[in-house]
C-alpha cells in the first residue's frame, strides 16, 4: 500500500495532459491584443452621418482588425487557432492581460491629457 501511495504523484503527473505551447509568443500576443484594442478605439472615432453608428463601427472595425492581423503577419485561421488556444488556457490569457491593461491605461492617460 505504501508503494502505491508513493507512486500516486508520479501516476497523476503521467496522466496529466501536457500543455501545448501558445501558438504565439507571449510578448507578441501582448502587442496583438493592444493593437486589437486600439482598432476598437479607432473604429469608434470619426463617425459618418451617412451610416448608422453601429454599421459604421462594425465596417471600420473589420477593416482595422484585418489591418492588425496583416501587420502581425497572421491569417484569420491562425488568429482563430490562437483564440482557441487561449480559450483552453485562460490563465495564460490572464497573464497577457496583466501586462496589456497597464499599457492601455498608460496610453489612455497620455492621450487624454491626464499625464
C-alpha atoms as a PDB file:
ATOM      1  CA  UNK A   1       0.000   0.000   0.000  1.00  0.00           C
ATOM      2  CA  UNK A   2       2.812   2.371   0.875  1.00  0.00           C
ATOM      3  CA  UNK A   3       4.427   1.839  -2.541  1.00  0.00           C
ATOM      4  CA  UNK A   4       1.135   2.723  -4.213  1.00  0.00           C
ATOM      5  CA  UNK A   5       0.925   5.973  -2.239  1.00  0.00           C
ATOM      6  CA  UNK A   6       4.492   6.839  -3.191  1.00  0.00           C
ATOM      7  CA  UNK A   7       3.798   6.119  -6.849  1.00  0.00           C
ATOM      8  CA  UNK A   8       0.498   8.056  -6.936  1.00  0.00           C
ATOM      9  CA  UNK A   9       2.033  11.527  -7.577  1.00  0.00           C
ATOM     10  CA  UNK A  10       4.059  10.113 -10.477  1.00  0.00           C
ATOM     11  CA  UNK A  11       0.994   8.404 -11.925  1.00  0.00           C
ATOM     12  CA  UNK A  12      -1.004  11.610 -11.688  1.00  0.00           C
ATOM     13  CA  UNK A  13       1.744  13.561 -13.419  1.00  0.00           C
ATOM     14  CA  UNK A  14       1.981  10.963 -16.154  1.00  0.00           C
ATOM     15  CA  UNK A  15      -1.789  11.069 -16.721  1.00  0.00           C
ATOM     16  CA  UNK A  16      -1.981  14.834 -16.981  1.00  0.00           C
ATOM     17  CA  UNK A  17      -2.147  16.190 -20.477  1.00  0.00           C
ATOM     18  CA  UNK A  18       0.940  18.091 -21.500  1.00  0.00           C
ATOM     19  CA  UNK A  19       0.033  21.714 -22.005  1.00  0.00           C
ATOM     20  CA  UNK A  20       0.947  22.792 -25.502  1.00  0.00           C
ATOM     21  CA  UNK A  21       2.831  25.995 -26.016  1.00  0.00           C
ATOM     22  CA  UNK A  22       0.940  29.002 -27.209  1.00  0.00           C
ATOM     23  CA  UNK A  23       0.832  29.322 -30.988  1.00  0.00           C
ATOM     24  CA  UNK A  24       2.195  32.855 -30.482  1.00  0.00           C
ATOM     25  CA  UNK A  25       4.941  34.048 -28.096  1.00  0.00           C
ATOM     26  CA  UNK A  26       3.510  35.927 -25.136  1.00  0.00           C
ATOM     27  CA  UNK A  27       5.211  39.247 -25.923  1.00  0.00           C
ATOM     28  CA  UNK A  28       3.811  39.192 -29.457  1.00  0.00           C
ATOM     29  CA  UNK A  29       0.383  38.247 -28.117  1.00  0.00           C
ATOM     30  CA  UNK A  30       0.501  41.229 -25.773  1.00  0.00           C
ATOM     31  CA  UNK A  31       1.210  43.579 -28.679  1.00  0.00           C
ATOM     32  CA  UNK A  32      -1.507  41.947 -30.792  1.00  0.00           C
ATOM     33  CA  UNK A  33      -4.066  42.436 -28.015  1.00  0.00           C
ATOM     34  CA  UNK A  34      -3.023  46.077 -27.571  1.00  0.00           C
ATOM     35  CA  UNK A  35      -3.366  46.644 -31.307  1.00  0.00           C
ATOM     36  CA  UNK A  36      -6.784  44.978 -31.405  1.00  0.00           C
ATOM     37  CA  UNK A  37      -7.994  47.192 -28.574  1.00  0.00           C
ATOM     38  CA  UNK A  38      -6.649  50.239 -30.391  1.00  0.00           C
ATOM     39  CA  UNK A  39      -8.526  49.105 -33.515  1.00  0.00           C
ATOM     40  CA  UNK A  40     -11.728  49.162 -31.471  1.00  0.00           C
ATOM     41  CA  UNK A  41     -10.971  52.701 -30.331  1.00  0.00           C
ATOM     42  CA  UNK A  42     -10.212  53.892 -33.861  1.00  0.00           C
ATOM     43  CA  UNK A  43     -13.386  52.296 -35.211  1.00  0.00           C
ATOM     44  CA  UNK A  44     -15.449  54.393 -32.826  1.00  0.00           C
ATOM     45  CA  UNK A  45     -13.809  57.674 -33.934  1.00  0.00           C
ATOM     46  CA  UNK A  46     -14.936  59.783 -36.880  1.00  0.00           C
ATOM     47  CA  UNK A  47     -18.420  58.513 -37.399  1.00  0.00           C
ATOM     48  CA  UNK A  48     -20.006  59.483 -40.682  1.00  0.00           C
ATOM     49  CA  UNK A  49     -23.638  60.569 -40.752  1.00  0.00           C
ATOM     50  CA  UNK A  50     -24.331  58.560 -43.933  1.00  0.00           C
ATOM     51  CA  UNK A  51     -24.099  55.308 -41.958  1.00  0.00           C
ATOM     52  CA  UNK A  52     -25.746  54.303 -38.757  1.00  0.00           C
ATOM     53  CA  UNK A  53     -23.290  54.409 -35.873  1.00  0.00           C
ATOM     54  CA  UNK A  54     -23.253  50.645 -35.357  1.00  0.00           C
ATOM     55  CA  UNK A  55     -22.928  49.833 -39.075  1.00  0.00           C
ATOM     56  CA  UNK A  56     -20.051  52.286 -39.464  1.00  0.00           C
ATOM     57  CA  UNK A  57     -18.347  50.932 -36.383  1.00  0.00           C
ATOM     58  CA  UNK A  58     -18.669  47.311 -37.498  1.00  0.00           C
ATOM     59  CA  UNK A  59     -17.432  48.077 -41.023  1.00  0.00           C
ATOM     60  CA  UNK A  60     -14.427  50.034 -39.823  1.00  0.00           C
ATOM     61  CA  UNK A  61     -13.699  47.547 -37.048  1.00  0.00           C
ATOM     62  CA  UNK A  62     -13.500  44.692 -39.572  1.00  0.00           C
ATOM     63  CA  UNK A  63     -11.108  46.760 -41.687  1.00  0.00           C
ATOM     64  CA  UNK A  64      -8.956  47.648 -38.671  1.00  0.00           C
ATOM     65  CA  UNK A  65      -8.912  44.043 -37.439  1.00  0.00           C
ATOM     66  CA  UNK A  66      -7.777  42.874 -40.872  1.00  0.00           C
ATOM     67  CA  UNK A  67      -5.073  45.550 -40.888  1.00  0.00           C
ATOM     68  CA  UNK A  68      -3.856  44.463 -37.447  1.00  0.00           C
ATOM     69  CA  UNK A  69      -3.712  40.812 -38.457  1.00  0.00           C
ATOM     70  CA  UNK A  70      -1.877  41.702 -41.651  1.00  0.00           C
ATOM     71  CA  UNK A  71       0.566  43.894 -39.690  1.00  0.00           C
ATOM     72  CA  UNK A  72       1.316  40.938 -37.397  1.00  0.00           C
ATOM     73  CA  UNK A  73       1.544  38.525 -40.368  1.00  0.00           C
ATOM     74  CA  UNK A  74      -1.345  36.443 -39.050  1.00  0.00           C
ATOM     75  CA  UNK A  75      -4.057  34.862 -41.141  1.00  0.00           C
ATOM     76  CA  UNK A  76      -7.623  34.615 -39.920  1.00  0.00           C
ATOM     77  CA  UNK A  77      -7.148  30.858 -39.446  1.00  0.00           C
ATOM     78  CA  UNK A  78      -4.025  31.424 -37.354  1.00  0.00           C
ATOM     79  CA  UNK A  79      -5.863  34.015 -35.282  1.00  0.00           C
ATOM     80  CA  UNK A  80      -8.701  31.550 -34.692  1.00  0.00           C
ATOM     81  CA  UNK A  81      -6.144  28.938 -33.593  1.00  0.00           C
ATOM     82  CA  UNK A  82      -4.602  31.436 -31.159  1.00  0.00           C
ATOM     83  CA  UNK A  83      -8.014  32.386 -29.738  1.00  0.00           C
ATOM     84  CA  UNK A  84      -8.960  28.727 -29.337  1.00  0.00           C
ATOM     85  CA  UNK A  85      -5.688  28.007 -27.524  1.00  0.00           C
ATOM     86  CA  UNK A  86      -6.360  30.843 -25.076  1.00  0.00           C
ATOM     87  CA  UNK A  87      -9.917  29.567 -24.528  1.00  0.00           C
ATOM     88  CA  UNK A  88      -8.394  26.306 -23.297  1.00  0.00           C
ATOM     89  CA  UNK A  89      -5.680  28.157 -21.337  1.00  0.00           C
ATOM     90  CA  UNK A  90      -7.472  31.113 -19.730  1.00  0.00           C
ATOM     91  CA  UNK A  91      -4.779  31.511 -17.063  1.00  0.00           C
ATOM     92  CA  UNK A  92      -2.348  32.373 -19.857  1.00  0.00           C
ATOM     93  CA  UNK A  93      -4.749  34.980 -21.211  1.00  0.00           C
ATOM     94  CA  UNK A  94      -4.946  36.453 -17.711  1.00  0.00           C
ATOM     95  CA  UNK A  95      -1.161  36.804 -17.666  1.00  0.00           C
ATOM     96  CA  UNK A  96      -1.252  38.526 -21.068  1.00  0.00           C
ATOM     97  CA  UNK A  97      -3.884  40.990 -19.856  1.00  0.00           C
ATOM     98  CA  UNK A  98      -1.885  41.601 -16.681  1.00  0.00           C
ATOM     99  CA  UNK A  99       0.622  43.358 -18.954  1.00  0.00           C
ATOM    100  CA  UNK A 100      -1.827  44.728 -21.527  1.00  0.00           C
ATOM    101  CA  UNK A 101      -4.092  46.598 -19.103  1.00  0.00           C
ATOM    102  CA  UNK A 102      -1.329  48.807 -17.652  1.00  0.00           C
ATOM    103  CA  UNK A 103      -0.114  49.598 -21.180  1.00  0.00           C
ATOM    104  CA  UNK A 104      -3.598  50.594 -22.310  1.00  0.00           C
ATOM    105  CA  UNK A 105      -4.142  52.608 -19.140  1.00  0.00           C
ATOM    106  CA  UNK A 106      -0.870  54.449 -19.717  1.00  0.00           C
ATOM    107  CA  UNK A 107      -1.791  55.149 -23.341  1.00  0.00           C
ATOM    108  CA  UNK A 108      -5.217  56.415 -22.310  1.00  0.00           C
ATOM    109  CA  UNK A 109      -3.701  58.767 -19.739  1.00  0.00           C
ATOM    110  CA  UNK A 110      -1.110  60.011 -22.216  1.00  0.00           C
ATOM    111  CA  UNK A 111      -3.577  60.783 -24.993  1.00  0.00           C
ATOM    112  CA  UNK A 112      -6.379  62.119 -22.837  1.00  0.00           C
ATOM    113  CA  UNK A 113      -4.111  64.708 -21.262  1.00  0.00           C
ATOM    114  CA  UNK A 114      -4.213  63.193 -17.776  1.00  0.00           C
ATOM    115  CA  UNK A 115      -0.488  62.617 -17.520  1.00  0.00           C
END
